[in-house]
N, C-alpha and C. Protein backbone atom coordinates (compact mmCIF):
# COMPACT_ATOMS: atom_id res chain seq x y z
N MET A 1 83.41 160.93 167.64
CA MET A 1 84.48 161.59 166.80
C MET A 1 85.24 162.43 167.91
N GLU A 2 86.48 162.36 167.60
CA GLU A 2 87.64 162.70 168.38
C GLU A 2 88.55 163.79 167.60
N VAL A 3 88.51 164.97 168.04
CA VAL A 3 89.36 166.15 167.32
C VAL A 3 90.67 166.00 167.79
N LEU A 4 91.71 165.42 166.55
CA LEU A 4 93.11 165.23 166.86
C LEU A 4 93.94 166.34 166.70
N GLU A 5 93.45 167.35 166.02
CA GLU A 5 94.36 168.63 165.87
C GLU A 5 93.42 169.77 165.44
N GLU A 6 93.48 170.85 166.18
CA GLU A 6 92.75 172.05 165.72
C GLU A 6 93.83 172.98 165.60
N GLY A 7 93.36 174.01 164.56
CA GLY A 7 94.45 175.21 164.30
C GLY A 7 93.99 176.12 163.15
N GLU A 8 95.17 177.09 162.83
CA GLU A 8 94.84 177.92 161.72
C GLU A 8 96.25 178.18 160.99
N ILE A 9 96.33 178.09 159.68
CA ILE A 9 97.56 178.31 158.91
C ILE A 9 97.10 179.27 157.81
N ASP A 10 97.79 180.56 157.83
CA ASP A 10 97.61 181.61 156.92
C ASP A 10 96.13 182.04 156.86
N GLY A 11 95.29 182.17 158.27
CA GLY A 11 93.96 182.40 158.11
C GLY A 11 93.02 181.53 157.77
N ILE A 12 93.18 180.25 157.47
CA ILE A 12 92.40 179.09 157.07
C ILE A 12 92.36 178.31 158.56
N GLN A 13 91.03 178.28 159.05
CA GLN A 13 91.03 177.48 160.29
C GLN A 13 90.72 175.93 159.68
N TYR A 14 91.27 175.18 160.49
CA TYR A 14 91.04 173.75 159.87
C TYR A 14 90.97 172.70 161.57
N LYS A 15 90.31 171.59 161.31
CA LYS A 15 90.29 170.54 162.35
C LYS A 15 90.56 169.21 161.72
N ILE A 16 91.36 168.46 162.27
CA ILE A 16 91.42 166.98 161.84
C ILE A 16 90.83 166.18 162.87
N ILE A 17 89.71 165.29 162.39
CA ILE A 17 88.94 164.57 163.20
C ILE A 17 89.06 163.10 162.79
N ALA A 18 89.14 162.33 163.98
CA ALA A 18 89.03 160.87 163.94
C ALA A 18 87.63 160.42 164.08
N THR A 19 87.25 159.70 162.73
CA THR A 19 85.77 159.11 163.18
C THR A 19 86.05 157.30 163.18
N PRO A 20 85.07 156.70 163.33
CA PRO A 20 85.28 155.34 163.47
C PRO A 20 85.69 154.75 162.30
N TYR A 21 85.46 155.30 160.87
CA TYR A 21 85.76 154.78 159.66
C TYR A 21 86.91 155.59 158.95
N ALA A 22 87.30 156.50 159.28
CA ALA A 22 88.15 157.59 158.45
C ALA A 22 88.73 158.72 159.32
N THR A 23 89.73 159.25 158.84
CA THR A 23 90.33 160.51 159.48
C THR A 23 89.75 161.75 158.29
N VAL A 24 89.00 162.42 159.07
CA VAL A 24 88.54 163.68 158.07
C VAL A 24 89.26 165.07 158.46
N VAL A 25 89.25 165.88 157.31
CA VAL A 25 89.90 167.26 157.69
C VAL A 25 88.73 168.33 157.23
N LYS A 26 88.39 169.00 158.35
CA LYS A 26 87.42 169.92 158.15
C LYS A 26 88.29 171.28 157.91
N VAL A 27 87.74 172.16 157.16
CA VAL A 27 88.21 173.59 156.81
C VAL A 27 87.21 174.51 156.82
N LYS A 28 87.47 175.84 157.38
CA LYS A 28 86.76 176.86 156.99
C LYS A 28 86.98 177.36 155.66
N CYS A 29 86.33 177.30 154.69
CA CYS A 29 86.36 177.58 153.22
C CYS A 29 86.98 179.11 153.11
N PRO A 30 87.98 179.26 152.45
CA PRO A 30 88.42 180.56 152.15
C PRO A 30 87.56 181.48 151.34
N ARG A 31 86.78 180.72 150.38
CA ARG A 31 86.03 181.37 149.38
C ARG A 31 84.73 181.75 150.09
N CYS A 32 84.01 181.03 150.63
CA CYS A 32 82.56 181.25 151.00
C CYS A 32 82.40 181.33 152.56
N GLY A 33 83.45 181.14 153.34
CA GLY A 33 83.42 180.80 154.65
C GLY A 33 82.55 179.86 155.42
N LYS A 34 82.07 178.78 154.61
CA LYS A 34 81.31 177.95 155.38
C LYS A 34 82.36 176.58 155.77
N TRP A 35 81.89 175.99 156.69
CA TRP A 35 82.87 174.39 156.99
C TRP A 35 82.56 173.46 156.17
N GLY A 36 83.68 172.75 155.79
CA GLY A 36 83.33 171.58 154.89
C GLY A 36 84.53 170.60 154.88
N ASN A 37 84.43 169.50 154.28
CA ASN A 37 85.41 168.61 154.34
C ASN A 37 86.39 168.59 153.23
N LEU A 38 87.71 168.73 153.68
CA LEU A 38 88.65 168.88 152.50
C LEU A 38 88.90 167.70 151.80
N ARG A 39 88.78 167.73 150.55
CA ARG A 39 89.22 166.24 149.63
C ARG A 39 90.26 166.62 148.62
N LYS A 40 90.92 165.54 148.28
CA LYS A 40 91.87 165.88 147.33
C LYS A 40 91.16 165.32 145.93
N ASP A 41 91.10 166.01 145.04
CA ASP A 41 90.37 165.66 143.84
C ASP A 41 91.33 165.18 142.61
N ARG A 42 91.06 164.71 141.38
CA ARG A 42 91.96 164.35 140.44
C ARG A 42 93.22 165.37 140.24
N GLY A 43 94.37 164.88 139.91
CA GLY A 43 95.36 165.94 139.87
C GLY A 43 95.73 166.62 140.88
N LYS A 44 96.27 168.06 140.34
CA LYS A 44 96.58 168.93 141.62
C LYS A 44 95.33 169.81 141.75
N ARG A 45 94.18 169.42 142.59
CA ARG A 45 93.07 170.14 142.83
C ARG A 45 92.61 169.72 144.42
N PHE A 46 91.90 170.56 145.02
CA PHE A 46 91.45 170.21 146.00
C PHE A 46 89.58 170.63 146.28
N ILE A 47 89.01 169.96 146.71
CA ILE A 47 87.58 170.17 146.87
C ILE A 47 87.10 170.46 148.32
N ILE A 48 86.53 171.46 148.68
CA ILE A 48 85.74 171.42 150.01
C ILE A 48 84.38 171.22 149.75
N VAL A 49 83.87 170.18 150.25
CA VAL A 49 82.44 169.66 150.28
C VAL A 49 81.53 170.21 151.67
N HIS A 50 80.63 171.11 151.11
CA HIS A 50 79.75 171.62 152.11
C HIS A 50 78.56 170.62 152.27
N GLU A 51 77.69 171.13 153.15
CA GLU A 51 76.52 170.31 153.10
C GLU A 51 75.97 170.33 151.87
N ARG A 52 75.43 171.25 151.07
CA ARG A 52 74.82 171.31 149.99
C ARG A 52 75.41 171.78 148.75
N SER A 53 76.68 172.02 148.95
CA SER A 53 77.54 172.39 147.84
C SER A 53 79.17 172.33 147.73
N HIS A 54 79.82 172.82 147.16
CA HIS A 54 81.29 172.53 147.16
C HIS A 54 82.08 173.70 146.41
N CYS A 55 83.41 173.79 146.83
CA CYS A 55 84.07 174.85 146.27
C CYS A 55 85.23 174.09 145.75
N HIS A 56 85.78 174.34 144.51
CA HIS A 56 87.03 173.78 144.14
C HIS A 56 88.35 174.76 144.11
N PHE A 57 89.48 174.42 144.28
CA PHE A 57 90.62 175.08 144.20
C PHE A 57 91.85 174.31 143.69
N GLY A 58 92.04 174.81 142.62
CA GLY A 58 93.17 174.53 141.50
C GLY A 58 94.54 175.07 141.98
N TRP A 59 95.45 174.56 141.52
CA TRP A 59 96.85 175.01 141.71
C TRP A 59 97.11 176.42 141.45
N THR A 60 96.55 177.15 140.69
CA THR A 60 96.51 178.52 140.53
C THR A 60 96.15 179.35 141.58
N ARG A 61 95.04 178.78 142.37
CA ARG A 61 94.75 179.67 143.54
C ARG A 61 95.58 180.09 144.59
N ASP A 62 95.32 181.12 145.12
CA ASP A 62 96.19 181.70 146.40
C ASP A 62 96.06 180.62 147.52
N ALA A 63 95.05 179.97 147.79
CA ALA A 63 94.60 179.03 149.05
C ALA A 63 95.15 177.72 148.64
N PHE A 64 95.66 177.66 147.35
CA PHE A 64 95.81 175.93 147.19
C PHE A 64 97.18 175.61 148.16
N GLU A 65 98.39 176.23 148.23
CA GLU A 65 99.31 175.82 148.92
C GLU A 65 99.06 175.71 150.43
N VAL A 66 98.25 176.50 150.97
CA VAL A 66 97.88 176.42 152.52
C VAL A 66 97.00 175.23 152.45
N LEU A 67 96.00 174.88 151.75
CA LEU A 67 95.21 173.73 151.71
C LEU A 67 95.99 172.53 151.55
N GLU A 68 97.04 172.62 150.75
CA GLU A 68 97.74 171.34 150.69
C GLU A 68 98.60 171.10 151.95
N LYS A 69 99.04 172.07 152.72
CA LYS A 69 99.85 172.05 153.88
C LYS A 69 98.75 171.29 154.89
N ILE A 70 97.57 171.82 155.06
CA ILE A 70 96.49 171.20 155.94
C ILE A 70 96.22 169.77 155.71
N TYR A 71 96.37 169.52 154.28
CA TYR A 71 95.89 168.11 153.82
C TYR A 71 96.82 167.19 154.36
N ARG A 72 98.21 167.64 154.33
CA ARG A 72 99.29 166.76 154.31
C ARG A 72 99.45 166.37 155.88
N ARG A 73 99.00 167.50 156.81
CA ARG A 73 98.97 167.20 158.10
C ARG A 73 98.15 165.96 158.71
N LYS A 74 97.32 165.56 157.85
CA LYS A 74 96.42 164.47 158.29
C LYS A 74 97.08 163.17 158.02
N PHE A 75 98.18 163.13 157.08
CA PHE A 75 98.83 161.84 156.99
C PHE A 75 99.92 161.66 158.23
N ARG A 76 100.35 163.15 158.73
CA ARG A 76 101.22 163.01 159.96
C ARG A 76 100.67 162.57 161.32
N ILE A 77 99.47 162.59 161.44
CA ILE A 77 98.69 162.00 162.66
C ILE A 77 98.41 160.62 162.59
N GLU A 78 98.04 160.21 161.35
CA GLU A 78 97.37 158.72 161.41
C GLU A 78 98.61 157.94 161.59
């Protein structure tokens, strides 16, 4: 696994990692503080998948815009 980019946007830490199969975005969850994979869900929603749980962020949440910026950075690198 190779870390392609690492940083922080508006207090949310993130890492973009290249694995042999896909490019993964890891973020520190603004709700619970655990690290997890950032995934796009149906419609305008994001999920942060942790080891044994997950947190949902809809478009009405404050962190939604920041998570969207981080998620889009993944496609600039590929």
